[in-house]
Protein backbone atom coordinates (compact mmCIF):
# COMPACT_ATOMS: atom_id res chain seq x y z
CA MET A 1 4.63 -25.99 -99.55
CA ARG A 2 5.78 -22.95 -98.12
CA VAL A 3 8.95 -23.31 -96.30
CA ALA A 4 10.63 -20.73 -94.10
CA ILE A 5 14.48 -21.53 -93.33
CA THR A 6 16.36 -19.48 -90.60
CA GLY A 7 20.05 -19.42 -91.47
CA GLY A 8 19.21 -20.73 -94.97
CA SER A 9 22.21 -18.83 -96.39
CA GLY A 10 24.43 -20.95 -94.00
CA PHE A 11 26.56 -23.84 -94.94
CA VAL A 12 23.73 -26.71 -94.35
CA GLY A 13 21.37 -24.20 -95.48
CA SER A 14 22.99 -23.76 -99.05
CA HIS A 15 22.50 -27.46 -99.69
CA LEU A 16 18.64 -27.71 -98.33
CA VAL A 17 17.75 -24.38 -100.40
CA PRO A 18 18.21 -26.11 -103.91
CA LEU A 19 17.03 -29.13 -102.88
CA LEU A 20 13.67 -27.83 -101.58
CA LEU A 21 13.46 -25.50 -104.73
CA GLU A 22 13.91 -28.40 -107.08
CA SER A 23 11.25 -30.38 -105.30
CA GLY A 24 8.94 -27.45 -106.07
CA HIS A 25 8.53 -25.88 -102.74
CA GLU A 26 8.66 -22.43 -102.49
CA ILE A 27 11.36 -21.15 -100.02
CA ARG A 28 11.97 -18.06 -97.80
CA VAL A 29 15.46 -17.67 -96.34
CA ILE A 30 15.35 -15.72 -93.18
CA GLY A 31 18.67 -13.74 -91.89
CA ARG A 32 19.56 -10.50 -89.79
CA GLY A 33 20.96 -8.63 -92.81
CA ALA A 34 20.43 -8.84 -96.77
CA ARG A 35 22.85 -10.98 -98.48
CA PRO A 36 23.40 -11.73 -102.20
CA VAL A 37 21.33 -14.80 -103.55
CA THR A 38 20.70 -16.07 -106.82
CA GLN A 39 17.14 -14.70 -108.00
CA GLN A 40 15.19 -18.01 -109.08
CA PRO A 41 11.46 -18.48 -108.94
CA GLY A 42 10.12 -19.83 -105.63
CA LEU A 43 12.99 -18.13 -103.77
CA SER A 44 12.67 -15.02 -101.62
CA VAL A 45 14.75 -13.59 -98.47
CA THR A 46 13.57 -11.32 -95.67
CA PHE A 47 14.88 -10.20 -92.36
CA GLY A 48 14.28 -11.98 -89.07
CA ASP A 49 16.83 -11.99 -85.87
CA VAL A 50 16.50 -15.07 -83.74
CA VAL A 51 18.84 -13.68 -81.07
CA THR A 52 16.23 -10.81 -80.64
CA GLY A 53 13.17 -12.60 -82.10
CA GLU A 54 12.65 -9.30 -84.10
CA GLY A 55 10.85 -10.09 -87.43
CA LEU A 56 10.65 -13.70 -87.13
CA GLU A 57 6.83 -13.91 -86.54
CA GLU A 58 6.37 -11.72 -90.09
CA ALA A 59 8.96 -14.04 -92.00
CA PHE A 60 7.05 -17.21 -90.80
CA HIS A 61 3.78 -15.75 -91.78
CA ASP A 62 1.74 -17.94 -94.25
CA ALA A 63 4.58 -20.69 -93.76
CA ASP A 64 3.65 -24.57 -93.77
CA ALA A 65 6.82 -25.46 -92.03
CA VAL A 66 10.10 -23.58 -90.44
CA VAL A 67 13.55 -25.00 -90.51
CA ASN A 68 15.45 -23.78 -87.86
CA LEU A 69 19.48 -23.90 -88.83
CA VAL A 70 21.02 -21.22 -87.02
CA ALA A 71 23.43 -22.18 -84.33
CA ILE A 72 27.09 -21.24 -83.36
CA ILE A 73 29.76 -23.75 -82.39
CA ARG A 74 32.05 -21.09 -81.15
CA ALA A 75 31.02 -18.38 -78.49
CA LYS A 76 32.18 -14.63 -79.14
CA GLY A 77 31.07 -11.75 -77.61
CA VAL A 78 27.18 -11.25 -77.59
CA GLN A 79 26.95 -14.47 -79.75
CA THR A 80 26.77 -16.86 -76.85
CA PHE A 81 25.74 -20.63 -76.97
CA ALA A 82 22.65 -19.49 -74.70
CA SER A 83 21.82 -16.07 -76.79
CA VAL A 84 21.98 -18.16 -80.25
CA ASN A 85 21.64 -21.77 -79.98
CA SER A 86 19.32 -21.95 -76.82
CA GLN A 87 17.20 -18.59 -76.52
CA GLY A 88 17.31 -18.09 -80.18
CA THR A 89 15.63 -21.57 -80.89
CA ALA A 90 12.95 -20.39 -78.22
CA HIS A 91 12.43 -17.04 -80.33
CA VAL A 92 11.88 -19.22 -83.29
CA VAL A 93 9.64 -21.49 -81.47
CA LYS A 94 7.52 -18.55 -80.03
CA ALA A 95 7.30 -17.05 -83.45
CA ALA A 96 6.22 -20.03 -85.17
CA GLN A 97 3.30 -20.67 -82.86
CA GLN A 98 2.08 -17.07 -83.11
CA ALA A 99 2.20 -17.31 -86.88
CA GLY A 100 0.45 -20.40 -86.88
CA VAL A 101 2.80 -22.49 -88.47
CA PRO A 102 2.03 -26.30 -87.86
CA ARG A 103 5.69 -27.72 -88.68
CA LEU A 104 9.22 -26.90 -87.04
CA VAL A 105 12.13 -28.77 -87.77
CA GLN A 106 15.34 -28.30 -85.85
CA LEU A 107 18.73 -29.13 -86.71
CA SER A 108 20.43 -30.13 -83.61
CA ALA A 109 23.57 -32.04 -82.77
CA ILE A 110 24.74 -35.69 -81.52
CA GLY A 111 25.46 -35.57 -77.87
CA ALA A 112 23.02 -32.86 -76.92
CA GLY A 113 22.37 -33.29 -73.26
CA PRO A 114 21.66 -31.52 -69.74
CA ASP A 115 25.31 -31.54 -68.85
CA PRO A 116 26.51 -27.91 -68.59
CA THR A 117 30.09 -29.20 -68.62
CA PHE A 118 29.67 -29.26 -72.22
CA PRO A 119 28.41 -25.50 -73.22
CA TYR A 120 28.00 -25.93 -76.83
CA LEU A 121 25.90 -29.34 -76.20
CA PHE A 122 24.21 -28.32 -73.39
CA SER A 123 22.65 -24.99 -75.49
CA LYS A 124 21.53 -27.43 -78.16
CA TRP A 125 20.02 -29.52 -75.79
CA GLN A 126 18.18 -26.51 -74.26
CA GLY A 127 17.08 -25.56 -77.53
CA GLU A 128 15.38 -29.01 -78.41
CA GLN A 129 13.65 -28.74 -75.19
CA SER A 130 12.13 -25.62 -76.48
CA VAL A 131 10.98 -27.60 -79.65
CA ARG A 132 9.61 -30.31 -77.73
CA ASP A 133 7.44 -28.00 -75.44
CA SER A 134 6.02 -26.27 -78.69
CA GLY A 135 2.90 -28.09 -79.18
CA LEU A 136 3.99 -28.27 -83.02
CA ASP A 137 4.55 -30.99 -85.38
CA TRP A 138 8.21 -30.89 -84.44
CA VAL A 139 10.98 -32.99 -85.64
CA ILE A 140 14.69 -32.98 -84.38
CA LEU A 141 17.67 -33.98 -86.40
CA ARG A 142 20.82 -34.74 -84.34
CA SER A 143 23.68 -34.85 -86.47
CA SER A 144 27.41 -35.96 -86.29
CA VAL A 145 29.95 -33.67 -87.72
CA ILE A 146 29.28 -32.49 -91.50
CA PHE A 147 31.51 -32.19 -94.39
CA GLY A 148 31.52 -30.38 -97.59
CA PRO A 149 32.59 -27.68 -99.49
CA GLY A 150 32.23 -24.62 -96.95
CA ASP A 151 32.28 -26.48 -93.74
CA GLY A 152 34.25 -25.56 -90.69
CA PHE A 153 35.53 -28.51 -88.88
CA PHE A 154 37.28 -30.33 -91.90
CA THR A 155 38.29 -27.33 -93.75
CA THR A 156 39.98 -25.93 -90.73
CA LEU A 157 41.61 -29.50 -89.75
CA ALA A 158 43.10 -29.33 -93.51
CA LYS A 159 44.35 -25.57 -93.00
CA ALA A 160 46.01 -27.05 -89.55
CA ILE A 161 47.71 -29.76 -91.61
CA SER A 162 49.11 -27.59 -93.76
CA LEU A 163 51.16 -25.63 -91.59
CA PRO A 164 55.00 -26.14 -91.91
CA ALA A 165 55.87 -29.11 -89.31
CA PRO A 166 57.39 -32.11 -89.52
CA PHE A 167 54.52 -34.04 -87.37
CA LEU A 168 50.71 -33.85 -87.71
CA VAL A 169 49.82 -32.69 -84.39
CA ILE A 170 46.81 -34.71 -82.68
CA PRO A 171 45.05 -33.51 -79.23
CA GLY A 172 44.72 -36.53 -76.91
CA ASP A 173 45.45 -40.36 -78.07
CA GLY A 174 43.55 -39.59 -81.42
CA THR A 175 40.69 -42.04 -80.39
CA ALA A 176 38.05 -39.55 -80.36
CA VAL A 177 35.40 -40.74 -82.71
CA PHE A 178 33.24 -39.16 -85.48
CA GLN A 179 30.65 -40.34 -88.05
CA PRO A 180 30.96 -37.66 -90.69
CA ILE A 181 28.03 -36.97 -92.90
CA ALA A 182 27.90 -34.74 -96.26
CA ALA A 183 26.14 -32.05 -96.30
CA ASP A 184 23.86 -32.91 -99.10
CA ASP A 185 22.81 -36.04 -96.79
CA VAL A 186 21.79 -33.94 -94.12
CA ALA A 187 19.96 -31.66 -96.57
CA ARG A 188 18.29 -34.87 -97.87
CA CYS A 189 17.01 -35.64 -94.16
CA LEU A 190 15.83 -32.36 -93.49
CA ARG A 191 13.83 -32.37 -96.75
CA SER A 192 11.99 -35.54 -95.26
CA ALA A 193 11.39 -34.03 -92.20
CA VAL A 194 9.80 -31.40 -93.75
CA ILE A 195 7.69 -33.02 -96.15
CA GLU A 196 6.66 -36.27 -94.45
CA PRO A 197 3.77 -35.99 -92.14
CA GLN A 198 4.63 -39.35 -90.21
CA ARG A 199 8.12 -37.61 -89.30
CA ALA A 200 6.37 -35.52 -86.49
CA GLY A 201 7.54 -35.92 -82.85
CA HIS A 202 10.59 -37.87 -83.45
CA VAL A 203 14.07 -37.32 -82.87
CA TYR A 204 16.65 -38.67 -85.60
CA GLU A 205 20.36 -39.14 -85.00
CA ILE A 206 22.34 -39.02 -88.27
CA GLY A 207 25.83 -40.00 -89.23
CA GLY A 208 27.46 -41.30 -92.25
CA PRO A 209 28.86 -44.89 -93.32
CA GLU A 210 32.09 -44.43 -91.43
CA GLN A 211 32.88 -44.31 -87.78
CA LEU A 212 36.62 -42.74 -87.71
CA THR A 213 38.94 -41.77 -85.35
CA LEU A 214 40.24 -38.39 -84.99
CA GLU A 215 43.62 -39.70 -86.10
CA GLN A 216 42.15 -41.77 -89.17
CA ILE A 217 40.39 -38.41 -90.33
CA THR A 218 43.81 -36.84 -89.69
CA LEU A 219 45.74 -39.06 -91.66
CA ALA A 220 43.22 -39.07 -94.50
CA ILE A 221 43.04 -35.31 -94.93
CA ALA A 222 47.13 -35.42 -94.99
CA ALA A 223 47.20 -37.93 -97.50
CA ALA A 224 44.43 -36.26 -99.83
CA THR A 225 45.94 -33.09 -99.48
CA GLY A 226 49.45 -34.06 -100.41
CA LYS A 227 51.23 -31.20 -98.09
CA GLU A 228 54.99 -31.55 -97.56
CA TRP A 229 57.09 -30.47 -95.31
CA PHE A 230 60.92 -30.16 -96.58
CA GLY A 231 59.94 -33.45 -98.81
CA ILE A 232 58.59 -35.09 -96.20
CA ALA A 233 55.09 -36.58 -97.32
CA ARG A 234 54.21 -38.73 -94.92
CA ARG A 235 54.44 -37.21 -91.81
CA LYS A 236 53.82 -39.24 -88.54
CA PRO A 237 51.25 -38.26 -86.05
CA VAL A 238 52.38 -36.96 -82.58
CA HIS A 239 49.79 -36.74 -79.68
CA LEU A 240 49.42 -33.93 -77.28
CA ASP A 241 47.85 -34.12 -74.42
CA PRO A 242 45.08 -31.46 -74.57
CA ARG A 243 46.06 -29.65 -71.38
CA LEU A 244 49.28 -28.54 -73.27
CA ILE A 245 47.24 -27.33 -76.46
CA ARG A 246 44.68 -25.50 -74.09
CA PRO A 247 46.80 -22.59 -73.37
CA GLY A 248 47.26 -21.75 -77.37
CA ALA A 249 43.42 -22.78 -78.01
CA ILE A 250 42.39 -20.09 -75.54
CA LEU A 251 45.08 -17.43 -77.50
CA MET A 252 43.59 -18.24 -80.93
CA ASP A 253 40.03 -18.26 -79.54
CA LYS A 254 40.40 -14.76 -78.35
CA LEU A 255 42.68 -13.27 -81.13
CA MET A 256 41.37 -15.06 -84.38
CA PRO A 257 38.21 -14.84 -86.29
CA ASN A 258 38.54 -18.61 -87.47
CA PRO A 259 40.68 -20.33 -84.70
CA LEU A 260 42.04 -23.70 -85.48
CA VAL A 261 40.95 -25.32 -82.28
CA THR A 262 38.72 -23.75 -79.39
CA PRO A 263 39.08 -24.76 -75.81
CA GLN A 264 35.30 -26.17 -76.00
CA GLN A 265 36.27 -28.21 -78.86
CA LEU A 266 39.34 -29.85 -77.24
CA ASP A 267 36.76 -30.73 -74.02
CA MET A 268 34.13 -32.46 -76.47
CA LEU A 269 36.87 -34.72 -77.53
CA VAL A 270 35.95 -36.99 -74.75
CA LYS A 271 32.54 -37.41 -75.95
CA PRO A 272 31.73 -40.01 -78.83
CA ASN A 273 30.14 -38.15 -82.03
CA VAL A 274 28.69 -41.23 -83.37
CA THR A 275 25.12 -42.93 -83.62
CA THR A 276 24.22 -46.37 -85.17
CA ALA A 277 26.15 -46.85 -88.65
CA ASP A 278 22.83 -47.50 -90.55
CA SER A 279 21.16 -44.69 -89.17
CA VAL A 280 20.46 -42.77 -92.36
CA VAL A 281 19.43 -46.02 -94.48
CA ALA A 282 17.16 -47.24 -91.48
CA ASN A 283 15.62 -43.93 -90.97
CA PHE A 284 15.73 -42.36 -94.27
CA GLY A 285 15.89 -45.05 -96.78
CA PHE A 286 19.31 -44.09 -98.66
CA GLU A 287 22.83 -44.80 -98.24
CA PRO A 288 25.00 -41.69 -97.51
CA GLN A 289 28.26 -40.68 -98.74
CA SER A 290 31.25 -41.63 -97.41
CA LEU A 291 33.88 -39.01 -96.22
CA GLY A 292 36.96 -41.18 -97.78
CA ALA A 293 35.42 -40.83 -101.29
CA ASN A 294 34.51 -37.09 -101.41
CA ILE A 295 37.36 -35.32 -99.72
CA GLY A 296 38.64 -33.79 -102.75
CA TYR A 297 37.20 -30.28 -101.91
CA LEU A 298 40.00 -30.27 -99.40
CA LYS A 299 43.13 -30.69 -101.43
CA ARG A 300 44.11 -27.06 -102.05
CA PRO A 301 43.23 -24.95 -98.98
CA LYS A 302 43.82 -21.58 -100.72
CA HIS A 303 45.34 -19.17 -97.55
CA TRP A 304 47.70 -19.64 -94.95
CA PRO A 305 45.40 -19.81 -91.82
CA PHE A 306 47.05 -16.75 -90.20
CA SER A 307 47.33 -14.34 -93.19
CA LEU A 308 45.36 -10.97 -92.86
CA LEU A 309 43.73 -11.59 -96.32
CA ASP A 310 42.26 -14.86 -94.82
CA GLN A 311 41.19 -13.09 -91.78
CA GLY A 312 39.67 -10.15 -93.58
CA LYS A 313 37.45 -12.60 -95.66
CA ALA A 314 36.63 -14.70 -92.66
CA ARG A 315 35.15 -11.48 -91.03
CA ALA A 316 33.22 -10.63 -94.25
CA GLN A 317 31.85 -13.95 -94.64
CA ASN A 318 30.97 -14.65 -91.01
CA PRO A 319 29.05 -11.25 -90.03
CA GLY A 320 26.92 -13.19 -87.68
CA PRO A 321 25.23 -16.39 -86.51
CA ASN A 322 22.40 -15.94 -89.15
C-alpha cells in the first residue's frame, strides 16, 4: 500500500513509519517544512500544511490510505485547537476526498466529546465529526496518554519531579486516572487500522494494561529516576488544590515553550482518561506493554527545565504542529 502520513515526523509517526516500512508499504511523510529523515527505500517526504490545507491534495495523490497524526495539546498563537485539531482535520478530509483516497485513519483521544468546557477534547471531537461525515472508509483510534522516548506527558512530569524540592507536588487529590499506552503499541493499532478492510467505520479506544492514578504515576517516575533532595530519596507527595496551581500554570503557559503544566491540563484532570482494561487485546489481538516495565527512558532527564539551552532546543525541535 501507499500510505500518506500527516505528522509522520512527530512522536507517534516516528514509531509508525518504520513499522509500515518493515511491512513493505510505501510511506509518504507530509509536513510544513523539510525535515531530515533517514533515506531508505519506500520513504519520501513532501510538503503539506493542515492548517491552511495547502499542498495536501497533491501530497495525497495516488495514496491508498491517509493517516492523520497532526494535533496539538497546547494552543499557542495562531496554532489553536480549532485551527489545528478541528479545521486541520477537516482540511485533511477534504484533500483526501479530492485526491480519491479510499481510507482515512484518524488518531484521536479518549474523552473527545461535544463539551466546549474542555477545548482540547472538544476540538478532537470536532475533528472526528469531519472524519465520520467524509464518506471515506474511515477508522478512528482514541488513545489514552502515550509513553515512550520523545513523549510529552511523562517526560515533562519527570522534569517536574527533578526540580529541587522536599516534596512531590501533585495537583488535586491525585486520583485522576490514566491508562498509559506505549507508542509502539499505538503504532501497531494504527497499522491494523490502515491495512485491514474490516476496520472501516469503527471507533476504537485504546489504552495499556494498567489503569493508574496520577499519584501512582508520579511515585513510579520518582522511584525510577532516583532523584534526591538533600539526601531525601523517598519524597512524600503533597496534594495542592488545582486552583492554587493555576496562576503558575497560566504564567508558564505564556512564558515557556514547553511548560510543566497548562491550565487546560489541570482542567482535564476531572475526566478519566481510561477505557476497558483489555481494549487492545480484545480489538487488536496483542498484549500491550506496561508503563512500569518500560519506564527506563525517563531515568535521566538531561536538562534543567528552565534552562535557556533546553528552551532553545525545544523551539528548534517544535517549530509547528506538523
